[in-house]
Structures are given as C-alpha cells and as structure tokens.
Amino acid sequence: MRPGLVIGARHVVRYTVPVHQTVPDLLPALAEFRRGQPVFATGFMVGLMEAPCMAAVYPHLKPGEVTVGTLINMTHLPASPPGTSLVAEARAVAVDGRSVRFAVVVADAAGQIAATGEHGLRVVDAARFRDRLAAKQAQLPRPDPSPLPGDTHGPHHRPRTLQRWPDRSFAHSAPPAHPAPSRQPINS
C-alpha cells in the first residue's frame, strides 16, 4: 500500500435502496430470510458500510493489491424501505501498515442515522490471495447438487435426515436463543 492514507481521511458513498435488496433477497434459500420484511437487509447494509472504506483505500493501492474485510461491528437502526436514499460516510480512525480501521455512519436523506459502526480491512496481494483461495477450494469435498426447496421428485432428490426445530410464531413468543441440548432431531 502506498503511503498517504491518514487518520481522519473521509469518503462518502450515496446509495438508493433497490427493491431486490430486502431481507427475503439476502439468503432466499433459507426460510428464515424468506419470512423477513421487505426492508433493506442488514447484510446489504454491511456491504454499504464497507463501500466507502474500500473506496477510501483504493487510491493508495499498488498494482496487484486488493482489500479484504477483517472486521465489522455495526448497529442497524431504523428500517429503510426500497427507494430510501442513504449516504454512507467512512472516516479512517487507525492506519497500521496494511490494516485500516474506519468509523462508518449511514444516514437517510432526512439525516436520520440508519446504521453506525466500524469496519476494518487489510490490503493484500491479489495473486497470493487467489493462490491461497484455490488451495483451500482444492481441499473441499465436491458438493452434491442439492434439490430446490420443496423438490421431492427432481433428479437430485434423495431422502435426507435434517435436524429441525418447531416453527414458532413471533406473535406469541420469541424463539429460544439456543435449542435445549436434550431435544432429539425430527426426521423429515
């Protein structure tokens, strides 16, 4: 990384929440997300908080360097429905060699804080990163194609034993923080 990024350096990214970045869109394969509300998902908010940090570092990268996220600590405050205009501002609070930490605030057009927190990233050599990633991928077992949710007759269907917990209505009671260890899996 080239010198020049200093504590206090700021960068701003403006963004309008699109209709396809709501909670159900984040991980649609998981029922928990499909049941979510149509508001800007926290996972997408994390990405928006990362964007000005990355943009602040890019002018200081040497050829062949990239950034990778190393830390996120954030609070997502009020809901932002699609169409909401947001401004994410990052301010460098620590620069230590190839590691940089930012304070980040996201606000809507009315000035209401939508999220706040900190993000850390590290500058790495892109080729070395890709080599390490390829080595890690080579050690992973090849995944079997899994059936689509609800597909019980497709060519990839095979009976599986899944561990499931009873569905609980949030209107009546909150789900437990952690399932009781004595529960037995329910075969499906």
N, C-alpha and C. Protein backbone atom coordinates (compact mmCIF):
# COMPACT_ATOMS: atom_id res chain seq x y z
N MET A 1 0.85 -1.17 0.00
CA MET A 1 0.00 0.00 0.00
C MET A 1 0.90 1.24 0.00
N ARG A 2 0.54 2.17 -0.84
CA ARG A 2 1.28 3.42 -0.90
C ARG A 2 1.00 4.25 0.34
N PRO A 3 1.95 5.05 0.77
CA PRO A 3 1.69 5.94 1.91
C PRO A 3 0.72 7.04 1.51
N GLY A 4 0.12 7.66 2.49
CA GLY A 4 -0.74 8.81 2.22
C GLY A 4 -2.11 8.73 2.86
N LEU A 5 -2.56 7.51 3.17
CA LEU A 5 -3.86 7.40 3.85
C LEU A 5 -3.63 7.76 5.32
N VAL A 6 -4.31 8.78 5.79
CA VAL A 6 -4.08 9.28 7.14
C VAL A 6 -5.34 9.16 7.98
N ILE A 7 -5.14 9.13 9.28
CA ILE A 7 -6.28 9.14 10.21
C ILE A 7 -7.07 10.42 9.96
N GLY A 8 -8.37 10.26 9.89
CA GLY A 8 -9.26 11.39 9.62
C GLY A 8 -9.70 11.45 8.17
N ALA A 9 -9.05 10.71 7.27
CA ALA A 9 -9.45 10.72 5.86
C ALA A 9 -10.90 10.22 5.76
N ARG A 10 -11.69 10.89 4.92
CA ARG A 10 -13.11 10.56 4.79
C ARG A 10 -13.46 10.19 3.35
N HIS A 11 -14.49 9.37 3.22
CA HIS A 11 -15.03 9.07 1.91
C HIS A 11 -16.54 8.84 2.06
N VAL A 12 -17.30 9.27 1.06
CA VAL A 12 -18.76 9.18 1.09
C VAL A 12 -19.25 8.39 -0.11
N VAL A 13 -20.25 7.53 0.12
CA VAL A 13 -20.94 6.81 -0.95
C VAL A 13 -22.43 7.08 -0.79
N ARG A 14 -23.08 7.45 -1.88
CA ARG A 14 -24.53 7.67 -1.90
C ARG A 14 -25.18 6.46 -2.56
N TYR A 15 -26.34 6.06 -2.02
CA TYR A 15 -26.97 4.82 -2.49
C TYR A 15 -28.46 4.89 -2.27
N THR A 16 -29.24 4.38 -3.21
CA THR A 16 -30.68 4.27 -3.06
C THR A 16 -31.03 2.80 -2.94
N VAL A 17 -31.77 2.44 -1.92
CA VAL A 17 -32.12 1.04 -1.66
C VAL A 17 -32.98 0.51 -2.81
N PRO A 18 -32.52 -0.53 -3.52
CA PRO A 18 -33.33 -1.12 -4.59
C PRO A 18 -34.32 -2.14 -4.05
N VAL A 19 -35.32 -2.47 -4.85
CA VAL A 19 -36.35 -3.41 -4.40
C VAL A 19 -35.81 -4.83 -4.22
N HIS A 20 -34.68 -5.16 -4.82
CA HIS A 20 -34.13 -6.53 -4.74
C HIS A 20 -33.07 -6.70 -3.65
N GLN A 21 -33.00 -5.78 -2.69
CA GLN A 21 -32.04 -5.93 -1.59
C GLN A 21 -32.76 -5.85 -0.24
N THR A 22 -33.86 -6.58 -0.16
CA THR A 22 -34.61 -6.64 1.09
C THR A 22 -34.26 -7.94 1.81
N VAL A 23 -34.78 -8.10 3.01
CA VAL A 23 -34.46 -9.28 3.82
C VAL A 23 -34.72 -10.58 3.06
N PRO A 24 -35.90 -10.76 2.40
CA PRO A 24 -36.11 -12.03 1.69
C PRO A 24 -35.11 -12.29 0.57
N ASP A 25 -34.45 -11.25 0.07
CA ASP A 25 -33.49 -11.41 -1.02
C ASP A 25 -32.10 -11.80 -0.55
N LEU A 26 -31.81 -11.64 0.74
CA LEU A 26 -30.45 -11.84 1.23
C LEU A 26 -29.99 -13.29 1.09
N LEU A 27 -30.72 -14.21 1.65
CA LEU A 27 -30.43 -15.65 1.51
C LEU A 27 -31.75 -16.36 1.24
N PRO A 28 -32.27 -16.27 0.03
CA PRO A 28 -33.60 -16.81 -0.26
C PRO A 28 -33.72 -18.32 -0.08
N ALA A 29 -32.61 -19.04 -0.04
CA ALA A 29 -32.67 -20.49 0.17
C ALA A 29 -33.03 -20.83 1.62
N LEU A 30 -32.91 -19.87 2.52
CA LEU A 30 -33.22 -20.10 3.93
C LEU A 30 -34.58 -19.52 4.28
N ALA A 31 -35.43 -20.35 4.86
CA ALA A 31 -36.79 -19.93 5.21
C ALA A 31 -36.81 -18.73 6.14
N GLU A 32 -35.82 -18.64 7.02
CA GLU A 32 -35.79 -17.52 7.96
C GLU A 32 -35.74 -16.18 7.23
N PHE A 33 -35.03 -16.13 6.12
CA PHE A 33 -34.95 -14.89 5.35
C PHE A 33 -36.18 -14.70 4.49
N ARG A 34 -36.73 -15.78 3.92
CA ARG A 34 -37.93 -15.65 3.10
C ARG A 34 -39.08 -15.08 3.90
N ARG A 35 -39.10 -15.30 5.21
CA ARG A 35 -40.16 -14.77 6.07
C ARG A 35 -39.92 -13.33 6.49
N GLY A 36 -38.77 -12.77 6.11
CA GLY A 36 -38.40 -11.42 6.54
C GLY A 36 -39.24 -10.33 5.89
N GLN A 37 -39.07 -9.14 6.41
CA GLN A 37 -39.81 -7.98 5.93
C GLN A 37 -39.13 -7.36 4.71
N PRO A 38 -39.90 -6.67 3.87
CA PRO A 38 -39.33 -6.07 2.65
C PRO A 38 -38.64 -4.73 2.94
N VAL A 39 -37.58 -4.79 3.74
CA VAL A 39 -36.77 -3.61 4.06
C VAL A 39 -35.31 -3.95 3.78
N PHE A 40 -34.47 -2.92 3.66
CA PHE A 40 -33.04 -3.10 3.38
C PHE A 40 -32.45 -4.05 4.42
N ALA A 41 -31.93 -5.17 3.96
CA ALA A 41 -31.41 -6.20 4.86
C ALA A 41 -30.11 -5.76 5.52
N THR A 42 -29.92 -6.18 6.75
CA THR A 42 -28.70 -5.84 7.49
C THR A 42 -27.46 -6.31 6.73
N GLY A 43 -27.52 -7.48 6.11
CA GLY A 43 -26.38 -7.97 5.34
C GLY A 43 -26.00 -7.03 4.20
N PHE A 44 -27.00 -6.46 3.53
CA PHE A 44 -26.72 -5.49 2.47
C PHE A 44 -26.22 -4.17 3.07
N MET A 45 -26.73 -3.82 4.26
CA MET A 45 -26.25 -2.61 4.93
C MET A 45 -24.76 -2.75 5.25
N VAL A 46 -24.34 -3.95 5.65
CA VAL A 46 -22.92 -4.18 5.90
C VAL A 46 -22.11 -3.87 4.64
N GLY A 47 -22.58 -4.35 3.50
CA GLY A 47 -21.90 -4.06 2.24
C GLY A 47 -21.83 -2.57 1.95
N LEU A 48 -22.93 -1.85 2.22
CA LEU A 48 -22.93 -0.41 2.01
C LEU A 48 -21.94 0.27 2.95
N MET A 49 -21.80 -0.23 4.16
CA MET A 49 -20.84 0.35 5.11
C MET A 49 -19.39 0.06 4.67
N GLU A 50 -19.17 -1.06 4.02
CA GLU A 50 -17.83 -1.39 3.53
C GLU A 50 -17.41 -0.52 2.34
N ALA A 51 -18.39 -0.14 1.51
CA ALA A 51 -18.09 0.54 0.25
C ALA A 51 -17.25 1.82 0.41
N PRO A 52 -17.61 2.76 1.29
CA PRO A 52 -16.76 3.96 1.37
C PRO A 52 -15.38 3.67 1.95
N CYS A 53 -15.27 2.64 2.75
CA CYS A 53 -13.96 2.26 3.31
C CYS A 53 -13.05 1.76 2.19
N MET A 54 -13.60 0.89 1.36
CA MET A 54 -12.83 0.36 0.24
C MET A 54 -12.44 1.49 -0.71
N ALA A 55 -13.39 2.38 -1.00
CA ALA A 55 -13.13 3.49 -1.92
C ALA A 55 -12.06 4.43 -1.36
N ALA A 56 -12.01 4.59 -0.04
CA ALA A 56 -11.01 5.46 0.57
C ALA A 56 -9.60 4.87 0.43
N VAL A 57 -9.50 3.55 0.40
CA VAL A 57 -8.19 2.89 0.32
C VAL A 57 -7.72 2.71 -1.12
N TYR A 58 -8.64 2.55 -2.07
CA TYR A 58 -8.26 2.24 -3.46
C TYR A 58 -7.20 3.17 -4.04
N PRO A 59 -7.26 4.48 -3.84
CA PRO A 59 -6.22 5.33 -4.43
C PRO A 59 -4.82 5.06 -3.88
N HIS A 60 -4.73 4.35 -2.78
CA HIS A 60 -3.44 4.08 -2.14
C HIS A 60 -2.91 2.68 -2.44
N LEU A 61 -3.65 1.91 -3.23
CA LEU A 61 -3.21 0.56 -3.56
C LEU A 61 -2.15 0.58 -4.64
N LYS A 62 -1.21 -0.33 -4.51
CA LYS A 62 -0.21 -0.56 -5.56
C LYS A 62 -0.83 -1.53 -6.57
N PRO A 63 -0.34 -1.58 -7.79
CA PRO A 63 -0.85 -2.56 -8.75
C PRO A 63 -0.74 -3.97 -8.17
N GLY A 64 -1.81 -4.74 -8.33
CA GLY A 64 -1.84 -6.11 -7.83
C GLY A 64 -2.32 -6.24 -6.40
N GLU A 65 -2.68 -5.14 -5.75
CA GLU A 65 -3.19 -5.21 -4.38
C GLU A 65 -4.71 -5.06 -4.38
N VAL A 66 -5.35 -5.70 -3.42
CA VAL A 66 -6.79 -5.61 -3.19
C VAL A 66 -7.03 -5.49 -1.70
N THR A 67 -8.27 -5.19 -1.34
CA THR A 67 -8.62 -5.15 0.08
C THR A 67 -9.50 -6.34 0.43
N VAL A 68 -9.39 -6.79 1.67
CA VAL A 68 -10.28 -7.82 2.21
C VAL A 68 -10.79 -7.31 3.56
N GLY A 69 -12.05 -7.58 3.82
CA GLY A 69 -12.64 -7.18 5.09
C GLY A 69 -12.15 -8.06 6.21
N THR A 70 -11.88 -7.45 7.37
CA THR A 70 -11.40 -8.20 8.53
C THR A 70 -12.24 -7.97 9.77
N LEU A 71 -13.08 -6.93 9.77
CA LEU A 71 -13.86 -6.60 10.96
C LEU A 71 -15.11 -5.85 10.55
N ILE A 72 -16.21 -6.20 11.18
CA ILE A 72 -17.43 -5.40 11.08
C ILE A 72 -18.09 -5.43 12.45
N ASN A 73 -18.41 -4.26 12.94
CA ASN A 73 -19.12 -4.12 14.21
C ASN A 73 -20.11 -2.99 13.97
N MET A 74 -21.38 -3.33 13.90
CA MET A 74 -22.34 -2.31 13.50
C MET A 74 -23.66 -2.44 14.22
N THR A 75 -24.37 -1.34 14.23
CA THR A 75 -25.73 -1.31 14.73
C THR A 75 -26.60 -0.81 13.60
N HIS A 76 -27.62 -1.60 13.26
CA HIS A 76 -28.57 -1.24 12.21
C HIS A 76 -29.81 -0.72 12.93
N LEU A 77 -30.12 0.54 12.71
CA LEU A 77 -31.16 1.20 13.49
C LEU A 77 -32.52 1.11 12.80
N PRO A 78 -33.13 2.18 12.31
CA PRO A 78 -34.49 2.06 11.75
C PRO A 78 -34.48 1.37 10.39
N ALA A 79 -35.64 0.83 10.04
CA ALA A 79 -35.80 0.14 8.76
C ALA A 79 -35.74 1.15 7.61
N SER A 80 -35.16 0.71 6.48
CA SER A 80 -35.07 1.53 5.27
C SER A 80 -35.77 0.78 4.15
N PRO A 81 -36.97 1.21 3.76
CA PRO A 81 -37.67 0.52 2.67
C PRO A 81 -37.04 0.83 1.32
N PRO A 82 -37.32 0.02 0.30
CA PRO A 82 -36.82 0.31 -1.04
C PRO A 82 -37.18 1.74 -1.44
N GLY A 83 -36.25 2.39 -2.12
CA GLY A 83 -36.45 3.78 -2.53
C GLY A 83 -35.80 4.78 -1.59
N THR A 84 -35.39 4.33 -0.40
CA THR A 84 -34.74 5.22 0.57
C THR A 84 -33.35 5.61 0.06
N SER A 85 -33.06 6.92 0.08
CA SER A 85 -31.73 7.40 -0.27
C SER A 85 -30.86 7.40 0.98
N LEU A 86 -29.69 6.77 0.88
CA LEU A 86 -28.77 6.67 2.01
C LEU A 86 -27.42 7.26 1.65
N VAL A 87 -26.74 7.79 2.65
CA VAL A 87 -25.39 8.31 2.49
C VAL A 87 -24.52 7.60 3.52
N ALA A 88 -23.50 6.89 3.05
CA ALA A 88 -22.57 6.19 3.94
C ALA A 88 -21.26 6.97 3.96
N GLU A 89 -20.82 7.37 5.15
CA GLU A 89 -19.58 8.11 5.30
C GLU A 89 -18.62 7.34 6.18
N ALA A 90 -17.41 7.13 5.68
CA ALA A 90 -16.37 6.43 6.43
C ALA A 90 -15.25 7.40 6.77
N ARG A 91 -14.73 7.29 7.97
CA ARG A 91 -13.61 8.11 8.43
C ARG A 91 -12.54 7.18 8.98
N ALA A 92 -11.33 7.27 8.46
CA ALA A 92 -10.22 6.42 8.92
C ALA A 92 -9.89 6.79 10.37
N VAL A 93 -9.88 5.78 11.24
CA VAL A 93 -9.56 6.02 12.65
C VAL A 93 -8.26 5.34 13.06
N ALA A 94 -7.77 4.42 12.25
CA ALA A 94 -6.49 3.76 12.54
C ALA A 94 -5.88 3.26 11.24
N VAL A 95 -4.58 3.54 11.08
CA VAL A 95 -3.82 3.04 9.93
C VAL A 95 -2.57 2.40 10.51
N ASP A 96 -2.46 1.07 10.29
CA ASP A 96 -1.33 0.33 10.85
C ASP A 96 -0.77 -0.56 9.74
N GLY A 97 0.18 -0.04 8.99
CA GLY A 97 0.75 -0.80 7.88
C GLY A 97 -0.31 -1.05 6.82
N ARG A 98 -0.62 -2.35 6.61
CA ARG A 98 -1.61 -2.72 5.60
C ARG A 98 -3.03 -2.82 6.17
N SER A 99 -3.21 -2.57 7.44
CA SER A 99 -4.53 -2.65 8.08
C SER A 99 -5.08 -1.26 8.34
N VAL A 100 -6.36 -1.08 8.03
CA VAL A 100 -7.01 0.21 8.22
C VAL A 100 -8.36 -0.03 8.89
N ARG A 101 -8.70 0.82 9.85
CA ARG A 101 -9.99 0.72 10.53
C ARG A 101 -10.73 2.04 10.34
N PHE A 102 -12.03 1.93 10.08
CA PHE A 102 -12.88 3.09 9.81
C PHE A 102 -14.06 3.14 10.76
N ALA A 103 -14.48 4.37 11.12
CA ALA A 103 -15.77 4.61 11.74
C ALA A 103 -16.72 4.92 10.58
N VAL A 104 -17.89 4.32 10.59
CA VAL A 104 -18.83 4.48 9.48
C VAL A 104 -20.19 4.87 10.02
N VAL A 105 -20.82 5.84 9.35
CA VAL A 105 -22.19 6.25 9.67
C VAL A 105 -22.98 6.26 8.38
N VAL A 106 -24.19 5.68 8.43
CA VAL A 106 -25.11 5.71 7.30
C VAL A 106 -26.33 6.49 7.74
N ALA A 107 -26.73 7.48 6.96
CA ALA A 107 -27.89 8.29 7.28
C ALA A 107 -28.80 8.38 6.06
N ASP A 108 -30.10 8.60 6.31
CA ASP A 108 -31.03 8.78 5.20
C ASP A 108 -31.08 10.26 4.82
N ALA A 109 -31.90 10.59 3.81
CA ALA A 109 -31.95 11.95 3.30
C ALA A 109 -32.42 12.95 4.34
N ALA A 110 -33.19 12.50 5.33
CA ALA A 110 -33.67 13.39 6.40
C ALA A 110 -32.61 13.56 7.50
N GLY A 111 -31.49 12.86 7.38
CA GLY A 111 -30.44 12.96 8.38
C GLY A 111 -30.57 11.95 9.51
N GLN A 112 -31.59 11.09 9.44
CA GLN A 112 -31.76 10.07 10.48
C GLN A 112 -30.70 8.99 10.29
N ILE A 113 -30.01 8.64 11.37
CA ILE A 113 -28.98 7.61 11.33
C ILE A 113 -29.64 6.25 11.09
N ALA A 114 -29.20 5.56 10.03
CA ALA A 114 -29.73 4.23 9.70
C ALA A 114 -28.82 3.13 10.22
N ALA A 115 -27.52 3.41 10.31
CA ALA A 115 -26.56 2.43 10.82
C ALA A 115 -25.30 3.16 11.24
N THR A 116 -24.61 2.57 12.18
CA THR A 116 -23.34 3.12 12.63
C THR A 116 -22.45 1.97 13.08
N GLY A 117 -21.14 2.16 12.97
CA GLY A 117 -20.25 1.10 13.41
C GLY A 117 -18.84 1.32 12.93
N GLU A 118 -18.07 0.22 12.92
CA GLU A 118 -16.70 0.29 12.45
C GLU A 118 -16.44 -0.87 11.50
N HIS A 119 -15.51 -0.62 10.58
CA HIS A 119 -15.13 -1.63 9.61
C HIS A 119 -13.61 -1.64 9.50
N GLY A 120 -13.04 -2.84 9.49
CA GLY A 120 -11.61 -2.98 9.30
C GLY A 120 -11.34 -3.71 8.01
N LEU A 121 -10.27 -3.33 7.36
CA LEU A 121 -9.86 -4.06 6.17
C LEU A 121 -8.35 -4.13 6.11
N ARG A 122 -7.89 -5.04 5.29
CA ARG A 122 -6.45 -5.26 5.14
C ARG A 122 -6.13 -5.28 3.66
N VAL A 123 -5.01 -4.70 3.31
CA VAL A 123 -4.53 -4.70 1.93
C VAL A 123 -3.69 -5.96 1.75
N VAL A 124 -4.01 -6.72 0.70
CA VAL A 124 -3.29 -7.97 0.43
C VAL A 124 -2.89 -8.02 -1.04
N ASP A 125 -1.94 -8.88 -1.33
CA ASP A 125 -1.52 -9.14 -2.71
C ASP A 125 -2.59 -10.04 -3.35
N ALA A 126 -3.17 -9.58 -4.46
CA ALA A 126 -4.28 -10.30 -5.09
C ALA A 126 -3.87 -11.69 -5.55
N ALA A 127 -2.69 -11.84 -6.15
CA ALA A 127 -2.25 -13.15 -6.66
C ALA A 127 -2.06 -14.14 -5.51
N ARG A 128 -1.43 -13.72 -4.43
CA ARG A 128 -1.25 -14.61 -3.28
C ARG A 128 -2.60 -14.99 -2.68
N PHE A 129 -3.51 -14.03 -2.62
CA PHE A 129 -4.85 -14.31 -2.08
C PHE A 129 -5.55 -15.36 -2.94
N ARG A 130 -5.51 -15.19 -4.26
CA ARG A 130 -6.15 -16.16 -5.16
C ARG A 130 -5.50 -17.53 -5.05
N ASP A 131 -4.16 -17.58 -4.89
CA ASP A 131 -3.47 -18.86 -4.73
C ASP A 131 -3.92 -19.58 -3.46
N ARG A 132 -4.01 -18.84 -2.36
CA ARG A 132 -4.46 -19.44 -1.10
C ARG A 132 -5.91 -19.90 -1.20
N LEU A 133 -6.73 -19.11 -1.87
CA LEU A 133 -8.12 -19.48 -2.04
C LEU A 133 -8.25 -20.76 -2.88
N ALA A 134 -7.47 -20.84 -3.96
CA ALA A 134 -7.51 -22.03 -4.81
C ALA A 134 -7.06 -23.27 -4.04
N ALA A 135 -6.04 -23.12 -3.20
CA ALA A 135 -5.57 -24.25 -2.39
C ALA A 135 -6.65 -24.69 -1.41
N LYS A 136 -7.33 -23.74 -0.82
CA LYS A 136 -8.40 -24.07 0.12
C LYS A 136 -9.56 -24.75 -0.60
N GLN A 137 -9.92 -24.23 -1.77
CA GLN A 137 -11.00 -24.84 -2.54
C GLN A 137 -10.66 -26.25 -2.98
N ALA A 138 -9.40 -26.52 -3.28
CA ALA A 138 -8.98 -27.85 -3.71
C ALA A 138 -9.12 -28.87 -2.60
N GLN A 139 -9.10 -28.43 -1.35
CA GLN A 139 -9.24 -29.34 -0.21
C GLN A 139 -10.69 -29.61 0.16
N LEU A 140 -11.63 -28.83 -0.38
CA LEU A 140 -13.03 -29.01 -0.04
C LEU A 140 -13.61 -30.21 -0.78
N PRO A 141 -14.52 -30.94 -0.15
CA PRO A 141 -15.19 -32.02 -0.87
C PRO A 141 -16.10 -31.43 -1.95
N ARG A 142 -16.23 -32.15 -3.03
CA ARG A 142 -17.13 -31.70 -4.10
C ARG A 142 -18.55 -31.83 -3.60
N PRO A 143 -19.33 -30.76 -3.63
CA PRO A 143 -20.71 -30.83 -3.13
C PRO A 143 -21.60 -31.57 -4.11
N ASP A 144 -22.55 -32.32 -3.55
CA ASP A 144 -23.58 -32.95 -4.37
C ASP A 144 -24.61 -31.88 -4.70
N PRO A 145 -25.18 -31.92 -5.90
CA PRO A 145 -26.26 -30.97 -6.19
C PRO A 145 -27.40 -31.23 -5.22
N SER A 146 -27.90 -30.19 -4.63
CA SER A 146 -29.00 -30.36 -3.69
C SER A 146 -30.29 -29.97 -4.36
N PRO A 147 -31.39 -30.58 -3.96
CA PRO A 147 -32.67 -30.26 -4.58
C PRO A 147 -33.10 -28.85 -4.21
N LEU A 148 -33.92 -28.29 -5.06
CA LEU A 148 -34.52 -27.00 -4.76
C LEU A 148 -35.46 -27.16 -3.58
N PRO A 149 -35.71 -26.10 -2.81
CA PRO A 149 -36.65 -26.23 -1.70
C PRO A 149 -37.99 -26.74 -2.20
N GLY A 150 -38.51 -27.74 -1.55
CA GLY A 150 -39.80 -28.31 -1.91
C GLY A 150 -39.73 -29.33 -3.03
N ASP A 151 -38.57 -29.57 -3.63
CA ASP A 151 -38.44 -30.52 -4.73
C ASP A 151 -38.27 -31.92 -4.16
N THR A 152 -39.33 -32.72 -4.24
CA THR A 152 -39.26 -34.08 -3.72
C THR A 152 -39.24 -35.11 -4.85
N HIS A 153 -39.28 -34.66 -6.10
CA HIS A 153 -39.34 -35.60 -7.21
C HIS A 153 -38.27 -35.36 -8.26
N GLY A 154 -37.44 -34.33 -8.09
CA GLY A 154 -36.43 -33.98 -9.09
C GLY A 154 -35.32 -35.01 -9.18
N PRO A 155 -34.46 -34.89 -10.18
CA PRO A 155 -33.40 -35.88 -10.40
C PRO A 155 -32.35 -35.89 -9.30
N HIS A 156 -32.27 -34.83 -8.51
CA HIS A 156 -31.25 -34.77 -7.47
C HIS A 156 -31.82 -35.08 -6.10
N HIS A 157 -33.09 -35.46 -6.04
CA HIS A 157 -33.69 -35.69 -4.73
C HIS A 157 -33.21 -37.01 -4.14
N ARG A 158 -32.90 -36.95 -2.89
CA ARG A 158 -32.61 -38.16 -2.13
C ARG A 158 -33.07 -37.88 -0.71
N PRO A 159 -33.60 -38.87 -0.04
CA PRO A 159 -34.06 -38.63 1.33
C PRO A 159 -32.89 -38.19 2.21
N ARG A 160 -33.14 -37.21 3.04
CA ARG A 160 -32.11 -36.72 3.95
C ARG A 160 -32.71 -36.59 5.34
N THR A 161 -31.86 -36.76 6.32
CA THR A 161 -32.27 -36.53 7.70
C THR A 161 -31.80 -35.13 8.08
N LEU A 162 -32.74 -34.30 8.44
CA LEU A 162 -32.42 -32.95 8.84
C LEU A 162 -32.80 -32.74 10.29
N GLN A 163 -32.04 -31.90 10.94
CA GLN A 163 -32.38 -31.54 12.30
C GLN A 163 -33.21 -30.26 12.22
N ARG A 164 -34.43 -30.33 12.71
CA ARG A 164 -35.33 -29.17 12.65
C ARG A 164 -35.92 -28.92 14.02
N TRP A 165 -36.20 -27.69 14.26
CA TRP A 165 -36.86 -27.30 15.49
C TRP A 165 -38.24 -26.78 15.15
N PRO A 166 -39.20 -26.92 16.05
CA PRO A 166 -40.56 -26.47 15.73
C PRO A 166 -40.57 -25.00 15.35
N ASP A 167 -41.41 -24.68 14.36
CA ASP A 167 -41.59 -23.29 13.95
C ASP A 167 -42.35 -22.58 15.06
N ARG A 168 -41.89 -21.42 15.43
CA ARG A 168 -42.54 -20.68 16.50
C ARG A 168 -43.01 -19.34 15.95
N SER A 169 -44.19 -18.96 16.30
CA SER A 169 -44.73 -17.69 15.86
C SER A 169 -44.15 -16.57 16.70
N PHE A 170 -43.64 -15.56 16.04
CA PHE A 170 -43.08 -14.43 16.77
C PHE A 170 -44.18 -13.60 17.44
N ALA A 171 -45.40 -13.78 16.99
CA ALA A 171 -46.50 -13.03 17.58
C ALA A 171 -46.80 -13.51 19.00
N HIS A 172 -46.47 -14.77 19.31
CA HIS A 172 -46.79 -15.33 20.62
C HIS A 172 -45.61 -15.37 21.56
N SER A 173 -44.47 -15.75 21.06
CA SER A 173 -43.29 -15.81 21.91
C SER A 173 -42.04 -15.76 21.06
N ALA A 174 -40.98 -15.30 21.63
CA ALA A 174 -39.70 -15.25 20.92
C ALA A 174 -39.08 -16.63 20.90
N PRO A 175 -38.37 -16.98 19.82
CA PRO A 175 -37.71 -18.29 19.79
C PRO A 175 -36.59 -18.33 20.82
N PRO A 176 -36.25 -19.51 21.28
CA PRO A 176 -35.17 -19.60 22.26
C PRO A 176 -33.86 -19.15 21.63
N ALA A 177 -32.97 -18.62 22.47
CA ALA A 177 -31.67 -18.18 21.98
C ALA A 177 -30.86 -19.37 21.47
N HIS A 178 -31.02 -20.51 22.09
CA HIS A 178 -30.32 -21.72 21.69
C HIS A 178 -31.21 -22.90 22.02
N PRO A 179 -31.38 -23.86 21.10
CA PRO A 179 -32.23 -25.01 21.41
C PRO A 179 -31.72 -25.79 22.62
N ALA A 180 -32.65 -26.33 23.35
CA ALA A 180 -32.27 -27.13 24.52
C ALA A 180 -31.46 -28.32 24.06
N PRO A 181 -30.37 -28.65 24.73
CA PRO A 181 -29.49 -29.72 24.27
C PRO A 181 -30.13 -31.10 24.31
N SER A 182 -31.20 -31.29 25.08
CA SER A 182 -31.79 -32.62 25.21
C SER A 182 -32.77 -32.95 24.11
N ARG A 183 -33.10 -32.02 23.24
CA ARG A 183 -34.05 -32.28 22.17
C ARG A 183 -33.48 -33.27 21.17
N GLN A 184 -34.34 -34.11 20.64
CA GLN A 184 -33.95 -35.08 19.63
C GLN A 184 -34.30 -34.51 18.26
N PRO A 185 -33.50 -34.79 17.21
CA PRO A 185 -33.81 -34.30 15.87
C PRO A 185 -35.11 -34.91 15.37
N ILE A 186 -35.82 -34.16 14.58
CA ILE A 186 -37.04 -34.64 13.94
C ILE A 186 -36.67 -35.03 12.53
N ASN A 187 -36.92 -36.28 12.16
CA ASN A 187 -36.61 -36.74 10.80
C ASN A 187 -37.67 -36.26 9.85
N SER A 188 -37.23 -35.81 8.68
CA SER A 188 -38.20 -35.37 7.67
C SER A 188 -37.99 -36.13 6.39
